C-alpha atoms as a PDB file:
ATOM      1  CA  MET A   1     -32.013  47.604   7.125  1.00  0.00           C
ATOM      2  CA  LYS A   2     -34.320  49.105   9.630  1.00  0.00           C
ATOM      3  CA  GLU A   3     -34.035  52.799  10.834  1.00  0.00           C
ATOM      4  CA  GLY A   4     -31.711  53.104  13.907  1.00  0.00           C
ATOM      5  CA  GLU A   5     -30.459  49.387  13.478  1.00  0.00           C
ATOM      6  CA  LYS A   6     -26.669  48.978  14.072  1.00  0.00           C
ATOM      7  CA  VAL A   7     -24.575  47.775  11.100  1.00  0.00           C
ATOM      8  CA  ASP A   8     -23.505  44.596  13.182  1.00  0.00           C
ATOM      9  CA  ASP A   9     -27.123  43.721  13.840  1.00  0.00           C
ATOM     10  CA  TYR A  10     -28.039  44.194  10.132  1.00  0.00           C
ATOM     11  CA  PHE A  11     -25.228  41.991   8.960  1.00  0.00           C
ATOM     12  CA  ALA A  12     -25.940  39.294  11.591  1.00  0.00           C
ATOM     13  CA  ARG A  13     -29.644  39.146  10.366  1.00  0.00           C
ATOM     14  CA  THR A  14     -28.757  39.261   6.805  1.00  0.00           C
ATOM     15  CA  LEU A  15     -26.138  36.574   7.196  1.00  0.00           C
ATOM     16  CA  THR A  16     -28.328  34.329   9.221  1.00  0.00           C
ATOM     17  CA  ILE A  17     -30.937  34.364   6.323  1.00  0.00           C
ATOM     18  CA  ALA A  18     -28.170  33.683   3.869  1.00  0.00           C
ATOM     19  CA  ASN A  19     -26.837  30.578   5.902  1.00  0.00           C
ATOM     20  CA  LYS A  20     -30.325  29.281   6.164  1.00  0.00           C
ATOM     21  CA  MET A  21     -30.683  29.425   2.387  1.00  0.00           C
ATOM     22  CA  LYS A  22     -27.362  27.615   1.950  1.00  0.00           C
ATOM     23  CA  ALA A  23     -28.663  24.885   4.334  1.00  0.00           C
ATOM     24  CA  ASN A  24     -31.592  24.449   2.010  1.00  0.00           C
ATOM     25  CA  ASP A  25     -29.411  23.924  -1.069  1.00  0.00           C
ATOM     26  CA  GLU A  26     -29.583  27.520  -2.343  1.00  0.00           C
ATOM     27  CA  ASN A  27     -26.327  28.299  -4.026  1.00  0.00           C
ATOM     28  CA  MET A  28     -25.694  32.026  -3.695  1.00  0.00           C
ATOM     29  CA  GLU A  29     -22.488  33.741  -4.772  1.00  0.00           C
ATOM     30  CA  GLU A  30     -20.826  36.168  -2.509  1.00  0.00           C
ATOM     31  CA  LEU A  31     -21.361  38.914  -5.244  1.00  0.00           C
ATOM     32  CA  VAL A  32     -25.016  38.413  -4.985  1.00  0.00           C
ATOM     33  CA  LEU A  33     -24.842  38.522  -1.253  1.00  0.00           C
ATOM     34  CA  VAL A  34     -22.862  41.750  -1.294  1.00  0.00           C
ATOM     35  CA  GLU A  35     -25.382  43.231  -3.668  1.00  0.00           C
ATOM     36  CA  LYS A  36     -28.309  42.158  -1.401  1.00  0.00           C
ATOM     37  CA  ILE A  37     -26.678  43.770   1.504  1.00  0.00           C
ATOM     38  CA  LEU A  38     -25.885  47.099  -0.182  1.00  0.00           C
ATOM     39  CA  ARG A  39     -29.323  47.429  -1.842  1.00  0.00           C
ATOM     40  CA  PRO A  40     -31.645  47.948   1.251  1.00  0.00           C
ATOM     41  CA  MET A  41     -29.276  50.065   3.216  1.00  0.00           C
ATOM     42  CA  ILE A  42     -30.881  53.261   4.899  1.00  0.00           C
ATOM     43  CA  ALA A  43     -30.554  56.719   3.553  1.00  0.00           C
ATOM     44  CA  LYS A  44     -27.653  57.878   5.906  1.00  0.00           C
ATOM     45  CA  PHE A  45     -25.457  55.316   4.239  1.00  0.00           C
ATOM     46  CA  ASP A  46     -26.230  56.249   0.826  1.00  0.00           C
ATOM     47  CA  TYR A  47     -22.854  58.131   0.327  1.00  0.00           C
ATOM     48  CA  VAL A  48     -21.081  55.096   1.846  1.00  0.00           C
ATOM     49  CA  VAL A  49     -22.720  52.687  -0.465  1.00  0.00           C
ATOM     50  CA  CYS A  50     -21.869  54.916  -3.370  1.00  0.00           C
ATOM     51  CA  SER A  51     -18.252  55.301  -2.360  1.00  0.00           C
ATOM     52  CA  ILE A  52     -17.792  51.655  -1.934  1.00  0.00           C
ATOM     53  CA  GLU A  53     -19.244  50.862  -5.285  1.00  0.00           C
ATOM     54  CA  GLU A  54     -17.027  53.428  -6.934  1.00  0.00           C
ATOM     55  CA  SER A  55     -13.721  52.700  -5.200  1.00  0.00           C
ATOM     56  CA  ASN A  56     -13.912  48.989  -4.929  1.00  0.00           C
ATOM     57  CA  ASN A  57     -14.333  46.136  -7.570  1.00  0.00           C
ATOM     58  CA  ILE A  58     -17.589  44.665  -6.123  1.00  0.00           C
ATOM     59  CA  GLU A  59     -16.977  41.439  -7.826  1.00  0.00           C
ATOM     60  CA  SER A  60     -13.934  40.928  -5.838  1.00  0.00           C
ATOM     61  CA  LEU A  61     -15.235  42.427  -2.470  1.00  0.00           C
ATOM     62  CA  THR A  62     -15.759  39.907   0.317  1.00  0.00           C
ATOM     63  CA  ILE A  63     -18.484  40.313   2.857  1.00  0.00           C
ATOM     64  CA  ASP A  64     -16.021  40.782   5.581  1.00  0.00           C
ATOM     65  CA  GLU A  65     -14.318  43.664   3.867  1.00  0.00           C
ATOM     66  CA  LEU A  66     -17.822  45.206   3.141  1.00  0.00           C
ATOM     67  CA  GLN A  67     -18.876  44.809   6.682  1.00  0.00           C
ATOM     68  CA  SER A  68     -15.465  46.297   8.048  1.00  0.00           C
ATOM     69  CA  SER A  69     -15.808  49.242   5.641  1.00  0.00           C
ATOM     70  CA  ILE A  70     -19.427  50.041   6.626  1.00  0.00           C
ATOM     71  CA  LEU A  71     -18.612  49.584  10.268  1.00  0.00           C
ATOM     72  CA  VAL A  72     -15.733  52.367  10.028  1.00  0.00           C
ATOM     73  CA  HIS A  73     -18.210  54.738   8.555  1.00  0.00           C
ATOM     74  CA  GLU A  74     -20.861  54.074  11.249  1.00  0.00           C
ATOM     75  CA  GLN A  75     -18.226  54.581  13.995  1.00  0.00           C
ATOM     76  CA  GLN A  76     -17.081  57.667  12.395  1.00  0.00           C
ATOM     77  CA  MET A  77     -20.734  58.953  12.135  1.00  0.00           C
ATOM     78  CA  LEU A  78     -21.410  58.064  15.857  1.00  0.00           C
ATOM     79  CA  GLY A  79     -18.106  59.604  16.812  1.00  0.00           C
ATOM     80  CA  HIS A  80     -19.205  63.074  15.421  1.00  0.00           C
ATOM     81  CA  ARG A  81     -22.108  63.163  17.906  1.00  0.00           C
ATOM     82  CA  SER A  82     -21.750  63.839  21.557  1.00  0.00           C
ATOM     83  CA  GLU A  83     -23.075  61.502  24.099  1.00  0.00           C
ATOM     84  CA  SER A  84     -26.061  63.566  24.907  1.00  0.00           C
ATOM     85  CA  GLY A  85     -26.826  64.422  21.259  1.00  0.00           C
ATOM     86  CA  GLU A  86     -26.139  68.031  21.687  1.00  0.00           C
ATOM     87  CA  GLU A  87     -23.585  69.971  19.721  1.00  0.00           C
ATOM     88  CA  LEU A  88     -20.107  70.218  21.229  1.00  0.00           C
ATOM     89  CA  VAL A  89     -19.349  73.989  22.042  1.00  0.00           C
ATOM     90  CA  LEU A  90     -15.958  75.482  22.327  1.00  0.00           C
ATOM     91  CA  LYS A  91     -15.742  77.778  25.404  1.00  0.00           C
ATOM     92  CA  VAL A  92     -13.315  80.640  24.928  1.00  0.00           C
ATOM     93  CA  THR A  93     -12.052  82.633  27.898  1.00  0.00           C
ATOM     94  CA  LEU A  94      -9.412  85.048  28.653  1.00  0.00           C
ATOM     95  CA  GLU A  95      -7.375  84.066  31.605  1.00  0.00           C
ATOM     96  CA  GLY A  96      -4.420  85.646  33.322  1.00  0.00           C
ATOM     97  CA  ARG A  97      -5.554  89.443  32.785  1.00  0.00           C
ATOM     98  CA  ASN A  98      -4.008  90.966  35.858  1.00  0.00           C
ATOM     99  CA  ASP A  99      -4.470  94.602  34.968  1.00  0.00           C
ATOM    100  CA  GLY A 100      -7.967  94.790  36.507  1.00  0.00           C
ATOM    101  CA  ARG A 101      -9.970  95.242  33.470  1.00  0.00           C
ATOM    102  CA  SER A 102     -12.785  92.920  32.722  1.00  0.00           C
ATOM    103  CA  ASN A 103     -12.890  90.540  29.754  1.00  0.00           C
ATOM    104  CA  ASP A 104     -16.428  91.338  28.852  1.00  0.00           C
ATOM    105  CA  ASN A 105     -15.748  94.151  26.255  1.00  0.00           C
ATOM    106  CA  PHE A 106     -12.418  93.079  25.094  1.00  0.00           C
ATOM    107  CA  ALA A 107     -13.254  92.304  21.546  1.00  0.00           C
ATOM    108  CA  ALA A 108     -16.022  95.068  21.567  1.00  0.00           C
ATOM    109  CA  ARG A 109     -13.246  97.706  21.724  1.00  0.00           C
ATOM    110  CA  GLY A 110     -11.795  96.360  18.516  1.00  0.00           C
ATOM    111  CA  ARG A 111      -8.635  95.135  20.155  1.00  0.00           C
ATOM    112  CA  GLY A 112      -9.556  91.386  19.457  1.00  0.00           C
ATOM    113  CA  ARG A 113      -8.915  91.214  15.756  1.00  0.00           C
ATOM    114  CA  GLY A 114      -6.917  93.109  13.214  1.00  0.00           C
ATOM    115  CA  ARG A 115      -3.333  93.864  12.829  1.00  0.00           C
ATOM    116  CA  GLY A 116      -0.676  94.392  15.384  1.00  0.00           C
ATOM    117  CA  ARG A 117      -0.722  93.268  19.115  1.00  0.00           C
ATOM    118  CA  GLY A 118      -2.348  96.219  20.658  1.00  0.00           C
ATOM    119  CA  ARG A 119       0.279  97.072  23.229  1.00  0.00           C
ATOM    120  CA  LEU A 120      -1.696  99.722  25.052  1.00  0.00           C
ATOM    121  CA  GLY A 121      -2.140  98.520  28.507  1.00  0.00           C
ATOM    122  CA  PHE A 122      -0.452  95.265  27.989  1.00  0.00           C
ATOM    123  CA  SER A 123       1.269  93.363  30.632  1.00  0.00           C
ATOM    124  CA  LYS A 124       4.483  91.264  30.111  1.00  0.00           C
ATOM    125  CA  ALA A 125       3.958  89.309  33.210  1.00  0.00           C
ATOM    126  CA  LEU A 126       2.925  86.145  31.370  1.00  0.00           C
ATOM    127  CA  ILE A 127       5.506  86.497  28.468  1.00  0.00           C
ATOM    128  CA  GLU A 128       8.226  83.837  28.572  1.00  0.00           C
ATOM    129  CA  CYS A 129      11.830  84.689  27.075  1.00  0.00           C
ATOM    130  CA  PHE A 130      12.972  82.094  24.602  1.00  0.00           C
ATOM    131  CA  LYS A 131      16.561  82.671  25.669  1.00  0.00           C
ATOM    132  CA  CYS A 132      16.478  82.387  29.473  1.00  0.00           C
ATOM    133  CA  HIS A 133      12.802  80.914  29.855  1.00  0.00           C
ATOM    134  CA  LYS A 134      12.088  83.579  32.596  1.00  0.00           C
ATOM    135  CA  LEU A 135       8.770  85.414  32.638  1.00  0.00           C
ATOM    136  CA  GLY A 136       8.395  89.242  32.030  1.00  0.00           C
ATOM    137  CA  HIS A 137      10.414  89.995  28.824  1.00  0.00           C
ATOM    138  CA  TYR A 138      11.178  89.092  25.322  1.00  0.00           C
ATOM    139  CA  GLN A 139      14.272  87.484  23.813  1.00  0.00           C
ATOM    140  CA  TYR A 140      15.436  90.789  22.463  1.00  0.00           C
ATOM    141  CA  GLU A 141      14.956  92.307  25.795  1.00  0.00           C
ATOM    142  CA  CYS A 142      16.846  89.470  27.568  1.00  0.00           C
ATOM    143  CA  PRO A 143      19.486  90.960  30.265  1.00  0.00           C
ATOM    144  CA  SER A 144      21.605  87.802  30.103  1.00  0.00           C
END
């Protein structure tokens, strides 16, 4: 397998060679073909090859099962990378602060972590009551 080559392309190339060998009266069992496919896989598939060899009985593994297993791993590896190749970043913002204070030094004051809710300067405007589903109070404070 070449570096940067997709699994589908690698299998197509390998199976084309195997079919040409069969056309020339070369009798190759599926086990031999599976082993020949697994051996030259590139380094990023080492753990996949190892897990396939450990979890499956190689003697009963078909080429289609092997290809689908490796394809799933390739798609999973490609899914973990973003389209542009950059890391995905989680952006956290504090919205709905209506008490006039800035969000810049919120965690620096020590109110972002630790025990308790830090009620000083807390506005209930965005709190929803579980009983009446109105804003501005908790269930235990509900007038209804």
